[in-house]
Amino acid sequence: MKIFPAIDIKDKKCVRLVKGDFNNKIEYRLSPIDQANKFKDHGFKNLHIVDLDGALAGETVNLEIIKKIISKFNFKIEIGGGIRNFESIQKYIDVGVEKVILGSSAIKEKRFLKEACQKFPKMIALGLDAKDGYLSISAWKENSNKLTLDYLKEINDFGVSRLIYTDINRDGTKQSPNFEETENVANISKCPVIISGGVSSINDIKKAKELNNKNIGGIIVGKAIYDGDIKLEELAKETDA
């Protein structure tokens, strides 16, 4: 089980949103680079980053911060937030990002997702952000009116290398992830699925590992780390890669 500590960047600071609400955010003391250093010191190799400024602007706002994190710490990084064209994908690949996460742009235009997977094989991840079974888009401010599982069936053969499934109702709430729906996604998906949203304690990590679903490849941990509910020392013991 891969553990992905999360860094969400807004105004060059580490922040966490509650249910994706930009008006309900918490800013943390450490800068994104200092926080990445802390994760590296504890032996983590994978990192999940969201450029929240990019999600709002539709461009790679915090590219230089990402570049510095990769050059200093050599993480395997998956990055999302406002990536809407091939140029943005290429910029991230050029600085050494492992996976580029497409979200709203891929849901609005399936052709873009398919062409991105063809142009950047094994580099494209897909973020499925769902609320009450329906995918949300535009920084979670709009309902796409598309059922998550129906959309997944439509794009399952495109060549996506990783799925990140987030239950928006759980994100930033520390109410535990939606394991049941994540398993439903994993049972359909032709690529590994990463659990996201709502991790509250080390018990959630252990439960994820106990699911024994070979298609669930990892879990993202954010607010519970920053609030001290999960100690990095105990989280590091649960990671396999």
C-alpha atoms as a PDB file:
ATOM      1  CA  MET A   1       0.000   0.000   0.000  1.00  0.00           C
ATOM      2  CA  LYS A   2       1.537   3.279  -1.103  1.00  0.00           C
ATOM      3  CA  ILE A   3       1.082   6.165   1.319  1.00  0.00           C
ATOM      4  CA  PHE A   4       0.744   9.605  -0.271  1.00  0.00           C
ATOM      5  CA  PRO A   5       1.150  12.462   2.210  1.00  0.00           C
ATOM      6  CA  ALA A   6      -0.698  15.436   0.731  1.00  0.00           C
ATOM      7  CA  ILE A   7       0.331  19.021   0.129  1.00  0.00           C
ATOM      8  CA  ASP A   8      -2.337  21.425  -1.084  1.00  0.00           C
ATOM      9  CA  ILE A   9      -0.861  24.756  -2.178  1.00  0.00           C
ATOM     10  CA  LYS A  10      -2.721  28.074  -2.037  1.00  0.00           C
ATOM     11  CA  ASP A  11      -0.968  31.448  -2.068  1.00  0.00           C
ATOM     12  CA  LYS A  12       2.367  29.604  -1.615  1.00  0.00           C
ATOM     13  CA  LYS A  13       1.134  28.093   1.669  1.00  0.00           C
ATOM     14  CA  CYS A  14       0.095  24.611   2.766  1.00  0.00           C
ATOM     15  CA  VAL A  15      -3.658  24.610   3.282  1.00  0.00           C
ATOM     16  CA  ARG A  16      -6.500  22.155   3.709  1.00  0.00           C
ATOM     17  CA  LEU A  17     -10.030  22.750   2.483  1.00  0.00           C
ATOM     18  CA  VAL A  18     -13.134  21.263   4.058  1.00  0.00           C
ATOM     19  CA  LYS A  19     -15.231  19.510   1.399  1.00  0.00           C
ATOM     20  CA  GLY A  20     -13.408  21.465  -1.285  1.00  0.00           C
ATOM     21  CA  ASP A  21     -14.743  24.805  -0.049  1.00  0.00           C
ATOM     22  CA  PHE A  22     -12.223  27.591  -0.772  1.00  0.00           C
ATOM     23  CA  ASN A  23     -14.002  29.734   1.828  1.00  0.00           C
ATOM     24  CA  ASN A  24     -13.444  27.070   4.472  1.00  0.00           C
ATOM     25  CA  LYS A  25      -9.701  26.596   4.558  1.00  0.00           C
ATOM     26  CA  ILE A  26      -7.007  26.179   7.185  1.00  0.00           C
ATOM     27  CA  GLU A  27      -3.507  27.530   6.602  1.00  0.00           C
ATOM     28  CA  TYR A  28      -0.561  25.695   8.156  1.00  0.00           C
ATOM     29  CA  ARG A  29       2.718  27.041   9.447  1.00  0.00           C
ATOM     30  CA  LEU A  30       5.212  25.170   7.282  1.00  0.00           C
ATOM     31  CA  SER A  31       5.763  26.153   3.660  1.00  0.00           C
ATOM     32  CA  PRO A  32       5.178  23.479   0.972  1.00  0.00           C
ATOM     33  CA  ILE A  33       8.931  22.978   0.622  1.00  0.00           C
ATOM     34  CA  ASP A  34       9.489  22.683   4.387  1.00  0.00           C
ATOM     35  CA  GLN A  35       6.567  20.276   4.654  1.00  0.00           C
ATOM     36  CA  ALA A  36       7.982  18.150   1.826  1.00  0.00           C
ATOM     37  CA  ASN A  37      11.303  18.092   3.671  1.00  0.00           C
ATOM     38  CA  LYS A  38       9.540  16.811   6.767  1.00  0.00           C
ATOM     39  CA  PHE A  39       7.902  14.012   4.774  1.00  0.00           C
ATOM     40  CA  LYS A  40      11.256  13.103   3.242  1.00  0.00           C
ATOM     41  CA  ASP A  41      12.902  12.964   6.658  1.00  0.00           C
ATOM     42  CA  HIS A  42      10.361  10.306   7.652  1.00  0.00           C
ATOM     43  CA  GLY A  43      11.179   8.157   4.640  1.00  0.00           C
ATOM     44  CA  PHE A  44       8.169   8.779   2.404  1.00  0.00           C
ATOM     45  CA  LYS A  45       8.801   8.340  -1.314  1.00  0.00           C
ATOM     46  CA  ASN A  46       5.426   9.343  -2.768  1.00  0.00           C
ATOM     47  CA  LEU A  47       3.697  12.715  -2.574  1.00  0.00           C
ATOM     48  CA  HIS A  48       0.263  13.950  -3.632  1.00  0.00           C
ATOM     49  CA  ILE A  49       0.164  17.647  -4.509  1.00  0.00           C
ATOM     50  CA  VAL A  50      -2.773  19.811  -5.506  1.00  0.00           C
ATOM     51  CA  ASP A  51      -2.186  23.275  -6.935  1.00  0.00           C
ATOM     52  CA  LEU A  52      -5.335  24.970  -5.647  1.00  0.00           C
ATOM     53  CA  ASP A  53      -4.362  28.241  -7.313  1.00  0.00           C
ATOM     54  CA  GLY A  54      -4.040  26.293 -10.534  1.00  0.00           C
ATOM     55  CA  ALA A  55      -7.452  24.716 -10.040  1.00  0.00           C
ATOM     56  CA  LEU A  56      -8.980  28.194  -9.902  1.00  0.00           C
ATOM     57  CA  ALA A  57      -6.870  29.737 -12.669  1.00  0.00           C
ATOM     58  CA  GLY A  58      -6.679  26.801 -15.067  1.00  0.00           C
ATOM     59  CA  GLU A  59      -2.905  26.973 -15.393  1.00  0.00           C
ATOM     60  CA  THR A  60       0.304  25.841 -13.653  1.00  0.00           C
ATOM     61  CA  VAL A  61       0.493  28.598 -11.046  1.00  0.00           C
ATOM     62  CA  ASN A  62       2.847  26.888  -8.590  1.00  0.00           C
ATOM     63  CA  LEU A  63       5.130  25.104 -11.059  1.00  0.00           C
ATOM     64  CA  GLU A  64       8.290  26.560  -9.524  1.00  0.00           C
ATOM     65  CA  ILE A  65       7.406  25.220  -6.070  1.00  0.00           C
ATOM     66  CA  ILE A  66       6.797  21.764  -7.539  1.00  0.00           C
ATOM     67  CA  LYS A  67      10.109  21.970  -9.398  1.00  0.00           C
ATOM     68  CA  LYS A  68      11.978  22.836  -6.196  1.00  0.00           C
ATOM     69  CA  ILE A  69      10.374  19.977  -4.258  1.00  0.00           C
ATOM     70  CA  ILE A  70      11.357  17.451  -6.923  1.00  0.00           C
ATOM     71  CA  SER A  71      14.910  18.755  -7.328  1.00  0.00           C
ATOM     72  CA  LYS A  72      15.571  18.872  -3.574  1.00  0.00           C
ATOM     73  CA  PHE A  73      13.872  15.667  -2.414  1.00  0.00           C
ATOM     74  CA  ASN A  74      13.427  13.339  -5.413  1.00  0.00           C
ATOM     75  CA  PHE A  75       9.832  12.364  -4.573  1.00  0.00           C
ATOM     76  CA  LYS A  76       7.559  10.401  -6.881  1.00  0.00           C
ATOM     77  CA  ILE A  77       4.935  13.114  -7.248  1.00  0.00           C
ATOM     78  CA  GLU A  78       1.394  13.042  -8.547  1.00  0.00           C
ATOM     79  CA  ILE A  79       0.110  16.552  -9.232  1.00  0.00           C
ATOM     80  CA  GLY A  80      -3.346  17.906  -9.973  1.00  0.00           C
ATOM     81  CA  GLY A  81      -5.156  21.206 -10.163  1.00  0.00           C
ATOM     82  CA  GLY A  82      -6.247  23.099 -13.260  1.00  0.00           C
ATOM     83  CA  ILE A  83      -4.420  20.973 -15.847  1.00  0.00           C
ATOM     84  CA  ARG A  84      -6.415  21.592 -19.019  1.00  0.00           C
ATOM     85  CA  ASN A  85      -4.054  21.270 -21.973  1.00  0.00           C
ATOM     86  CA  PHE A  86      -1.073  19.322 -23.280  1.00  0.00           C
ATOM     87  CA  GLU A  87       1.268  22.232 -22.590  1.00  0.00           C
ATOM     88  CA  SER A  88       0.570  22.089 -18.859  1.00  0.00           C
ATOM     89  CA  ILE A  89       1.049  18.330 -18.818  1.00  0.00           C
ATOM     90  CA  GLN A  90       4.377  18.699 -20.609  1.00  0.00           C
ATOM     91  CA  LYS A  91       5.558  21.361 -18.150  1.00  0.00           C
ATOM     92  CA  TYR A  92       5.029  19.017 -15.222  1.00  0.00           C
ATOM     93  CA  ILE A  93       6.636  16.064 -16.979  1.00  0.00           C
ATOM     94  CA  ASP A  94       9.638  18.231 -17.866  1.00  0.00           C
ATOM     95  CA  VAL A  95      10.286  19.016 -14.183  1.00  0.00           C
ATOM     96  CA  GLY A  96      10.088  15.336 -13.218  1.00  0.00           C
ATOM     97  CA  VAL A  97       6.523  14.700 -12.043  1.00  0.00           C
ATOM     98  CA  GLU A  98       5.631  10.989 -12.086  1.00  0.00           C
ATOM     99  CA  LYS A  99       1.864  11.289 -12.672  1.00  0.00           C
ATOM    100  CA  VAL A 100      -0.181  14.229 -13.948  1.00  0.00           C
ATOM    101  CA  ILE A 101      -3.757  14.169 -12.643  1.00  0.00           C
ATOM    102  CA  LEU A 102      -6.513  15.281 -14.992  1.00  0.00           C
ATOM    103  CA  GLY A 103      -9.876  16.149 -13.493  1.00  0.00           C
ATOM    104  CA  SER A 104     -12.516  18.553 -14.793  1.00  0.00           C
ATOM    105  CA  SER A 105     -10.934  18.808 -18.234  1.00  0.00           C
ATOM    106  CA  ALA A 106     -11.086  15.042 -18.680  1.00  0.00           C
ATOM    107  CA  ILE A 107     -14.675  14.783 -17.493  1.00  0.00           C
ATOM    108  CA  LYS A 108     -15.871  17.633 -19.686  1.00  0.00           C
ATOM    109  CA  GLU A 109     -14.024  16.352 -22.747  1.00  0.00           C
ATOM    110  CA  LYS A 110     -13.279  12.639 -22.921  1.00  0.00           C
ATOM    111  CA  ARG A 111     -11.334  13.093 -26.142  1.00  0.00           C
ATOM    112  CA  PHE A 112      -8.787  15.226 -24.283  1.00  0.00           C
ATOM    113  CA  LEU A 113      -8.270  12.418 -21.753  1.00  0.00           C
ATOM    114  CA  LYS A 114      -7.881   9.798 -24.467  1.00  0.00           C
ATOM    115  CA  GLU A 115      -5.390  11.877 -26.447  1.00  0.00           C
ATOM    116  CA  ALA A 116      -3.429  12.739 -23.294  1.00  0.00           C
ATOM    117  CA  CYS A 117      -3.089   9.041 -22.451  1.00  0.00           C
ATOM    118  CA  GLN A 118      -1.852   8.368 -25.980  1.00  0.00           C
ATOM    119  CA  LYS A 119       0.559  11.293 -26.011  1.00  0.00           C
ATOM    120  CA  PHE A 120       1.910  10.696 -22.491  1.00  0.00           C
ATOM    121  CA  PRO A 121       1.688   6.916 -21.916  1.00  0.00           C
ATOM    122  CA  LYS A 122       1.766   5.763 -18.279  1.00  0.00           C
ATOM    123  CA  MET A 123       1.961   9.389 -17.103  1.00  0.00           C
ATOM    124  CA  ILE A 124      -1.739  10.294 -16.852  1.00  0.00           C
ATOM    125  CA  ALA A 125      -3.770   9.793 -13.690  1.00  0.00           C
ATOM    126  CA  LEU A 126      -7.471  10.596 -13.443  1.00  0.00           C
ATOM    127  CA  GLY A 127      -9.068  12.322 -10.494  1.00  0.00           C
ATOM    128  CA  LEU A 128     -12.641  11.224  -9.888  1.00  0.00           C
ATOM    129  CA  ASP A 129     -14.131  13.622  -7.349  1.00  0.00           C
ATOM    130  CA  ALA A 130     -17.622  12.497  -6.445  1.00  0.00           C
ATOM    131  CA  LYS A 131     -20.493  13.772  -4.363  1.00  0.00           C
ATOM    132  CA  ASP A 132     -23.473  11.503  -3.764  1.00  0.00           C
ATOM    133  CA  GLY A 133     -22.371   9.293  -6.646  1.00  0.00           C
ATOM    134  CA  TYR A 134     -22.005  12.101  -9.208  1.00  0.00           C
ATOM    135  CA  LEU A 135     -18.758  13.589 -10.460  1.00  0.00           C
ATOM    136  CA  SER A 136     -17.995  17.202  -9.574  1.00  0.00           C
ATOM    137  CA  ILE A 137     -15.976  19.593 -11.735  1.00  0.00           C
ATOM    138  CA  SER A 138     -14.583  23.141 -11.779  1.00  0.00           C
ATOM    139  CA  ALA A 139     -12.809  22.975  -8.412  1.00  0.00           C
ATOM    140  CA  TRP A 140     -15.798  21.018  -7.052  1.00  0.00           C
ATOM    141  CA  LYS A 141     -18.183  23.912  -7.622  1.00  0.00           C
ATOM    142  CA  GLU A 142     -20.276  22.197 -10.300  1.00  0.00           C
ATOM    143  CA  ASN A 143     -22.069  18.880 -10.564  1.00  0.00           C
ATOM    144  CA  SER A 144     -21.292  17.230 -13.902  1.00  0.00           C
ATOM    145  CA  ASN A 145     -24.550  15.210 -13.805  1.00  0.00           C
ATOM    146  CA  LYS A 146     -22.453  12.150 -14.655  1.00  0.00           C
ATOM    147  CA  LEU A 147     -22.528   9.090 -12.442  1.00  0.00           C
ATOM    148  CA  THR A 148     -19.014   8.115 -11.399  1.00  0.00           C
ATOM    149  CA  LEU A 149     -19.289   4.456 -12.352  1.00  0.00           C
ATOM    150  CA  ASP A 150     -20.944   5.206 -15.708  1.00  0.00           C
ATOM    151  CA  TYR A 151     -18.177   7.629 -16.649  1.00  0.00           C
ATOM    152  CA  LEU A 152     -15.506   5.162 -15.579  1.00  0.00           C
ATOM    153  CA  LYS A 153     -16.968   2.486 -17.836  1.00  0.00           C
ATOM    154  CA  GLU A 154     -16.848   4.919 -20.757  1.00  0.00           C
ATOM    155  CA  ILE A 155     -13.140   5.739 -20.377  1.00  0.00           C
ATOM    156  CA  ASN A 156     -11.843   2.486 -18.922  1.00  0.00           C
ATOM    157  CA  ASP A 157      -9.939   1.519 -22.079  1.00  0.00           C
ATOM    158  CA  PHE A 158      -8.253   4.889 -22.656  1.00  0.00           C
ATOM    159  CA  GLY A 159      -5.026   3.942 -20.914  1.00  0.00           C
ATOM    160  CA  VAL A 160      -5.263   5.904 -17.652  1.00  0.00           C
ATOM    161  CA  SER A 161      -2.430   4.729 -15.401  1.00  0.00           C
ATOM    162  CA  ARG A 162      -3.960   5.569 -12.001  1.00  0.00           C
ATOM    163  CA  LEU A 163      -7.283   6.687 -10.518  1.00  0.00           C
ATOM    164  CA  ILE A 164      -7.638   8.936  -7.494  1.00  0.00           C
ATOM    165  CA  TYR A 165     -11.124   8.540  -6.072  1.00  0.00           C
ATOM    166  CA  THR A 166     -12.281  11.244  -3.650  1.00  0.00           C
ATOM    167  CA  ASP A 167     -15.608  11.384  -1.865  1.00  0.00           C
ATOM    168  CA  ILE A 168     -16.078  15.149  -1.516  1.00  0.00           C
ATOM    169  CA  ASN A 169     -18.446  14.721   1.403  1.00  0.00           C
ATOM    170  CA  ARG A 170     -15.563  13.168   3.350  1.00  0.00           C
ATOM    171  CA  ASP A 171     -12.646  15.319   2.163  1.00  0.00           C
ATOM    172  CA  GLY A 172     -11.107  17.402   4.931  1.00  0.00           C
ATOM    173  CA  THR A 173     -13.642  16.119   7.457  1.00  0.00           C
ATOM    174  CA  LYS A 174     -11.654  13.283   9.073  1.00  0.00           C
ATOM    175  CA  GLN A 175     -14.786  11.099   9.006  1.00  0.00           C
ATOM    176  CA  SER A 176     -12.972   8.126   7.387  1.00  0.00           C
ATOM    177  CA  PRO A 177     -12.875   7.458   3.645  1.00  0.00           C
ATOM    178  CA  ASN A 178     -15.777   6.021   1.694  1.00  0.00           C
ATOM    179  CA  PHE A 179     -14.276   2.544   1.485  1.00  0.00           C
ATOM    180  CA  GLU A 180     -17.400   0.949   0.058  1.00  0.00           C
ATOM    181  CA  GLU A 181     -17.643   3.244  -2.944  1.00  0.00           C
ATOM    182  CA  THR A 182     -13.890   3.153  -3.481  1.00  0.00           C
ATOM    183  CA  GLU A 183     -14.105  -0.631  -3.741  1.00  0.00           C
ATOM    184  CA  ASN A 184     -16.935  -0.296  -6.248  1.00  0.00           C
ATOM    185  CA  VAL A 185     -14.667   1.910  -8.352  1.00  0.00           C
ATOM    186  CA  ALA A 186     -11.699  -0.441  -7.928  1.00  0.00           C
ATOM    187  CA  ASN A 187     -13.759  -3.440  -8.995  1.00  0.00           C
ATOM    188  CA  ILE A 188     -14.499  -1.757 -12.338  1.00  0.00           C
ATOM    189  CA  SER A 189     -11.261   0.130 -12.954  1.00  0.00           C
ATOM    190  CA  LYS A 190      -8.571  -1.311 -15.214  1.00  0.00           C
ATOM    191  CA  CYS A 191      -5.859   0.610 -13.360  1.00  0.00           C
ATOM    192  CA  PRO A 192      -4.896   0.974  -9.677  1.00  0.00           C
ATOM    193  CA  VAL A 193      -7.131   3.141  -7.491  1.00  0.00           C
ATOM    194  CA  ILE A 194      -5.923   5.509  -4.771  1.00  0.00           C
ATOM    195  CA  ILE A 195      -8.191   6.188  -1.784  1.00  0.00           C
ATOM    196  CA  SER A 196      -8.702   9.876  -1.011  1.00  0.00           C
ATOM    197  CA  GLY A 197     -10.779  11.951   1.370  1.00  0.00           C
ATOM    198  CA  GLY A 198     -11.607  11.690   5.056  1.00  0.00           C
ATOM    199  CA  VAL A 199      -8.681   9.793   6.571  1.00  0.00           C
ATOM    200  CA  SER A 200      -8.995  10.334  10.316  1.00  0.00           C
ATOM    201  CA  SER A 201      -6.559   8.013  12.077  1.00  0.00           C
ATOM    202  CA  ILE A 202      -4.010   5.276  11.594  1.00  0.00           C
ATOM    203  CA  ASN A 203      -6.906   2.825  11.822  1.00  0.00           C
ATOM    204  CA  ASP A 204      -8.164   4.069   8.451  1.00  0.00           C
ATOM    205  CA  ILE A 205      -4.804   3.164   6.931  1.00  0.00           C
ATOM    206  CA  LYS A 206      -4.946  -0.291   8.462  1.00  0.00           C
ATOM    207  CA  LYS A 207      -8.519  -0.777   7.264  1.00  0.00           C
ATOM    208  CA  ALA A 208      -7.503   0.181   3.731  1.00  0.00           C
ATOM    209  CA  LYS A 209      -4.797  -2.473   3.812  1.00  0.00           C
ATOM    210  CA  GLU A 210      -7.267  -5.039   5.167  1.00  0.00           C
ATOM    211  CA  LEU A 211      -9.638  -4.536   2.238  1.00  0.00           C
ATOM    212  CA  ASN A 212      -7.481  -7.061   0.386  1.00  0.00           C
ATOM    213  CA  ASN A 213      -8.455  -5.540  -2.950  1.00  0.00           C
ATOM    214  CA  LYS A 214      -5.485  -5.920  -5.284  1.00  0.00           C
ATOM    215  CA  ASN A 215      -6.645  -2.957  -7.365  1.00  0.00           C
ATOM    216  CA  ILE A 216      -6.446  -0.485  -4.479  1.00  0.00           C
ATOM    217  CA  GLY A 217      -2.880   0.734  -4.693  1.00  0.00           C
ATOM    218  CA  GLY A 218      -2.601   3.449  -2.094  1.00  0.00           C
ATOM    219  CA  ILE A 219      -4.154   6.078   0.127  1.00  0.00           C
ATOM    220  CA  ILE A 220      -3.774   9.863   0.423  1.00  0.00           C
ATOM    221  CA  VAL A 221      -3.410  11.374   3.893  1.00  0.00           C
ATOM    222  CA  GLY A 222      -3.792  15.098   4.462  1.00  0.00           C
ATOM    223  CA  LYS A 223      -5.593  16.901   7.247  1.00  0.00           C
ATOM    224  CA  ALA A 224      -5.067  14.140   9.813  1.00  0.00           C
ATOM    225  CA  ILE A 225      -1.310  14.645   9.459  1.00  0.00           C
ATOM    226  CA  TYR A 226      -1.452  18.417   9.760  1.00  0.00           C
ATOM    227  CA  ASP A 227      -3.760  18.323  12.760  1.00  0.00           C
ATOM    228  CA  GLY A 228      -1.603  15.747  14.533  1.00  0.00           C
ATOM    229  CA  ASP A 229      -4.185  12.944  14.521  1.00  0.00           C
ATOM    230  CA  ILE A 230      -1.688  10.734  12.691  1.00  0.00           C
ATOM    231  CA  LYS A 231       1.971  10.814  13.645  1.00  0.00           C
ATOM    232  CA  LEU A 232       4.370  10.591  10.720  1.00  0.00           C
ATOM    233  CA  GLU A 233       6.414   7.983  12.588  1.00  0.00           C
ATOM    234  CA  GLU A 234       3.493   5.546  12.772  1.00  0.00           C
ATOM    235  CA  LEU A 235       2.288   6.358   9.272  1.00  0.00           C
ATOM    236  CA  ALA A 236       5.722   5.601   7.822  1.00  0.00           C
ATOM    237  CA  LYS A 237       5.538   2.088   9.280  1.00  0.00           C
ATOM    238  CA  GLU A 238       2.429   1.355   7.184  1.00  0.00           C
ATOM    239  CA  THR A 239       3.885   2.230   3.787  1.00  0.00           C
ATOM    240  CA  ASP A 240       5.069  -0.515   1.450  1.00  0.00           C
ATOM    241  CA  ALA A 241       6.723   1.642  -1.228  1.00  0.00           C
END
